[in-house]
Amino acid sequence: MKRLFYIIFLVVGPIILLIILFFIVNSTKTTNKPAFLFPTPTPYNATYSHFPNQPNQLPSPTKTAETSSKITPVNVTVIPSAGEENEKIVISGVPVNNFFISPVQTNQQGDILIIDDPKYQIAYLNQFGSFIISILGSPFDDARQKAESQFLNTLGISPQDACRLPVTLNTPSFANPDEAGTNYKLSFCQ
């Protein structure tokens, strides 16, 4: 009798375990595509990996519907000013122009797409309190220079202040295969 129990346990047990794992894995999969593309802060280049069938095409972001709720920045101090267009916020001890006022796009996590250019995107990852610049055009150095210049202009800061901010710069392999897979600092901070 014990022998029969052990045989059943050894044969049926793994099958039940596989069925349970199958349901767990399938219940965590999602078919929702992101509203806009932000590369995730990872040690490897995972940019655009959720679009495997379209490696050379970027989906164009869509503006999210206006809602009555405003995105609340995390770890950001608002500096009052005379007008909303002149309002500054403080990120990592650096006063910058308030890009929360008129974002290109936001997602449910409060991340902000600040600049959407065919050659680059600049985003603020609200949960991490950091900026990410994705170079989408070639040649890499030219697009990087334009993106960094736009970053400084949009935030209204100097290169020295920009070096105090948490900024990651990267590029997907379809745009710049030789530079992909690396998280860069701003060129003037190195």
Protein backbone atom coordinates (compact mmCIF):
# COMPACT_ATOMS: atom_id res chain seq x y z
CA MET A 1 0.00 0.00 0.00
CA LYS A 2 2.81 2.42 0.91
CA ARG A 3 4.55 1.57 -2.34
CA LEU A 4 1.45 2.44 -4.36
CA PHE A 5 1.12 5.74 -2.48
CA TYR A 6 4.74 6.69 -3.27
CA ILE A 7 4.35 5.79 -6.95
CA ILE A 8 1.19 7.88 -7.22
CA PHE A 9 2.88 10.73 -5.34
CA LEU A 10 5.96 10.62 -7.60
CA VAL A 11 3.92 10.50 -10.83
CA VAL A 12 0.90 12.66 -10.05
CA GLY A 13 2.70 15.20 -7.84
CA PRO A 14 4.88 16.72 -10.59
CA ILE A 15 1.94 16.81 -12.98
CA ILE A 16 -0.14 18.76 -10.45
CA LEU A 17 2.80 21.07 -9.81
CA LEU A 18 3.18 21.75 -13.55
CA ILE A 19 -0.53 22.51 -13.86
CA ILE A 20 -0.36 24.95 -10.94
CA LEU A 21 2.73 26.66 -12.41
CA PHE A 22 1.01 26.88 -15.80
CA PHE A 23 -1.93 28.75 -14.27
CA ILE A 24 0.31 31.04 -12.25
CA VAL A 25 2.43 31.99 -15.28
CA ASN A 26 -0.60 32.54 -17.51
CA SER A 27 -2.40 34.61 -14.90
CA THR A 28 0.53 37.06 -14.69
CA LYS A 29 0.83 37.59 -18.44
CA THR A 30 -0.68 40.77 -19.81
CA THR A 31 -1.74 41.61 -23.31
CA ASN A 32 -1.96 45.36 -22.70
CA LYS A 33 0.63 47.30 -24.63
CA PRO A 34 2.05 50.42 -22.98
CA ALA A 35 0.49 53.76 -23.79
CA PHE A 36 3.90 55.11 -24.75
CA LEU A 37 7.44 53.86 -24.85
CA PHE A 38 9.77 54.39 -21.96
CA PRO A 39 12.83 52.28 -21.73
CA THR A 40 13.04 50.76 -18.29
CA PRO A 41 16.02 51.36 -16.04
CA THR A 42 17.69 47.99 -16.42
CA PRO A 43 21.33 46.91 -16.50
CA TYR A 44 20.81 45.64 -20.03
CA ASN A 45 19.12 47.16 -23.05
CA ALA A 46 15.50 46.02 -22.78
CA THR A 47 14.17 48.96 -24.76
CA TYR A 48 11.27 48.09 -27.04
CA SER A 49 11.52 44.39 -26.21
CA HIS A 50 7.73 44.19 -25.95
CA PHE A 51 7.44 44.84 -29.71
CA PRO A 52 9.40 41.86 -31.10
CA ASN A 53 7.54 41.78 -34.41
CA GLN A 54 8.40 45.38 -35.27
CA PRO A 55 12.10 45.88 -34.47
CA ASN A 56 12.59 48.75 -36.90
CA GLN A 57 9.39 50.66 -36.28
CA LEU A 58 8.42 52.81 -33.36
CA PRO A 59 4.79 53.02 -32.43
CA SER A 60 3.71 56.61 -32.24
CA PRO A 61 2.57 57.68 -28.78
CA THR A 62 -0.97 58.82 -28.27
CA LYS A 63 -2.02 61.57 -25.95
CA THR A 64 -3.85 60.29 -22.93
CA ALA A 65 -7.36 61.45 -22.19
CA GLU A 66 -7.61 64.46 -19.96
CA THR A 67 -8.81 63.61 -16.50
CA SER A 68 -9.69 65.67 -13.51
CA SER A 69 -6.87 64.14 -11.45
CA LYS A 70 -3.39 65.57 -11.72
CA ILE A 71 -0.21 63.53 -11.48
CA THR A 72 1.40 64.05 -8.11
CA PRO A 73 5.17 64.12 -8.39
CA VAL A 74 7.08 61.94 -5.94
CA ASN A 75 9.98 63.54 -4.03
CA VAL A 76 9.50 66.86 -5.82
CA THR A 77 9.25 70.24 -4.14
CA VAL A 78 7.22 72.94 -5.90
CA ILE A 79 8.61 76.47 -5.73
CA PRO A 80 5.71 78.97 -5.91
CA SER A 81 5.99 81.67 -8.56
CA ALA A 82 3.95 84.45 -10.12
CA GLY A 83 2.59 82.32 -12.97
CA GLU A 84 2.18 78.65 -13.71
CA GLU A 85 4.45 78.88 -16.78
CA ASN A 86 7.30 80.16 -14.58
CA GLU A 87 6.79 77.58 -11.84
CA LYS A 88 9.85 75.64 -10.74
CA ILE A 89 10.13 72.30 -9.01
CA VAL A 90 13.11 70.86 -7.16
CA ILE A 91 14.45 67.45 -8.13
CA SER A 92 17.53 66.10 -6.34
CA GLY A 93 18.19 69.57 -4.96
CA VAL A 94 18.12 71.21 -8.41
CA PRO A 95 15.39 73.76 -9.31
CA VAL A 96 14.03 72.93 -12.78
CA ASN A 97 11.14 74.14 -14.92
CA ASN A 98 7.92 72.34 -13.98
CA PHE A 99 7.45 69.84 -16.80
CA PHE A 100 4.41 68.39 -15.00
CA ILE A 101 2.36 71.39 -16.21
CA SER A 102 2.24 70.41 -19.87
CA PRO A 103 3.55 66.89 -20.47
CA VAL A 104 3.45 65.27 -23.89
CA GLN A 105 2.03 62.19 -22.22
CA THR A 106 1.69 60.50 -18.83
CA ASN A 107 1.05 56.94 -17.75
CA GLN A 108 -0.72 55.45 -14.75
CA GLN A 109 2.50 55.31 -12.72
CA GLY A 110 2.94 59.08 -13.10
CA ASP A 111 5.84 58.84 -15.54
CA ILE A 112 6.06 61.85 -17.83
CA LEU A 113 7.05 61.93 -21.48
CA ILE A 114 8.60 65.39 -21.61
CA ILE A 115 9.95 65.48 -25.18
CA ASP A 116 8.96 63.24 -28.07
CA ASP A 117 11.20 63.85 -31.07
CA PRO A 118 11.78 61.39 -33.94
CA LYS A 119 15.45 61.19 -32.94
CA TYR A 120 15.03 61.01 -29.14
CA GLN A 121 12.61 60.86 -26.22
CA ILE A 122 13.10 62.46 -22.82
CA ALA A 123 11.09 61.11 -19.92
CA TYR A 124 10.84 61.49 -16.17
CA LEU A 125 10.26 58.27 -14.23
CA ASN A 126 8.21 59.53 -11.31
CA GLN A 127 8.54 56.46 -9.08
CA PHE A 128 12.33 56.54 -9.33
CA GLY A 129 12.73 60.32 -9.44
CA SER A 130 15.02 60.03 -12.46
CA PHE A 131 15.23 61.09 -16.08
CA ILE A 132 15.83 58.84 -19.03
CA ILE A 133 16.88 59.98 -22.48
CA SER A 134 16.42 57.47 -25.29
CA ILE A 135 18.34 58.12 -28.48
CA LEU A 136 16.20 56.82 -31.36
CA GLY A 137 18.09 58.34 -34.30
CA SER A 138 21.44 57.94 -35.98
CA PRO A 139 24.22 58.89 -35.90
CA PHE A 140 24.27 58.42 -32.13
CA ASP A 141 26.57 61.34 -31.25
CA ASP A 142 24.54 63.89 -33.23
CA ALA A 143 21.20 62.77 -31.81
CA ARG A 144 22.71 62.63 -28.32
CA GLN A 145 24.00 66.20 -28.57
CA LYS A 146 20.58 67.47 -29.70
CA ALA A 147 18.78 65.53 -26.97
CA GLU A 148 21.10 66.80 -24.24
CA SER A 149 20.73 70.38 -25.47
CA GLN A 150 16.93 70.05 -25.49
CA PHE A 151 17.07 68.52 -21.99
CA LEU A 152 18.96 71.58 -20.68
CA ASN A 153 16.63 74.03 -22.46
CA THR A 154 13.42 72.33 -21.38
CA LEU A 155 14.45 72.13 -17.73
CA GLY A 156 16.06 75.58 -17.80
CA ILE A 157 19.28 74.40 -16.16
CA SER A 158 23.03 74.58 -16.70
CA PRO A 159 25.20 71.58 -17.58
CA GLN A 160 26.61 71.67 -14.03
CA ASP A 161 23.11 71.41 -12.53
CA ALA A 162 22.18 68.67 -14.99
CA CYS A 163 25.11 66.60 -13.71
CA ARG A 164 23.51 66.67 -10.23
CA LEU A 165 20.30 65.07 -11.57
CA PRO A 166 19.76 61.32 -11.92
CA VAL A 167 19.87 60.94 -15.71
CA THR A 168 20.36 57.81 -17.79
CA LEU A 169 20.91 57.93 -21.52
CA ASN A 170 20.56 54.86 -23.74
CA THR A 171 19.69 53.71 -27.25
CA PRO A 172 17.94 50.66 -28.71
CA SER A 173 19.89 48.28 -30.92
CA PHE A 174 17.77 48.96 -34.01
CA ALA A 175 18.79 52.63 -33.93
CA ASN A 176 22.45 52.35 -32.91
CA PRO A 177 23.63 48.73 -32.61
CA ASP A 178 27.20 49.67 -31.61
CA GLU A 179 26.09 51.90 -28.71
CA ALA A 180 23.10 49.82 -27.56
CA GLY A 181 23.12 47.87 -24.32
CA THR A 182 24.88 50.57 -22.31
CA ASN A 183 23.47 53.14 -19.91
CA TYR A 184 25.35 56.39 -20.49
CA LYS A 185 25.70 59.56 -18.43
CA LEU A 186 25.26 62.98 -19.98
CA SER A 187 28.28 63.64 -22.21
CA PHE A 188 29.31 66.80 -20.34
CA CYS A 189 29.22 64.98 -16.97
CA GLN A 190 31.85 62.37 -17.78
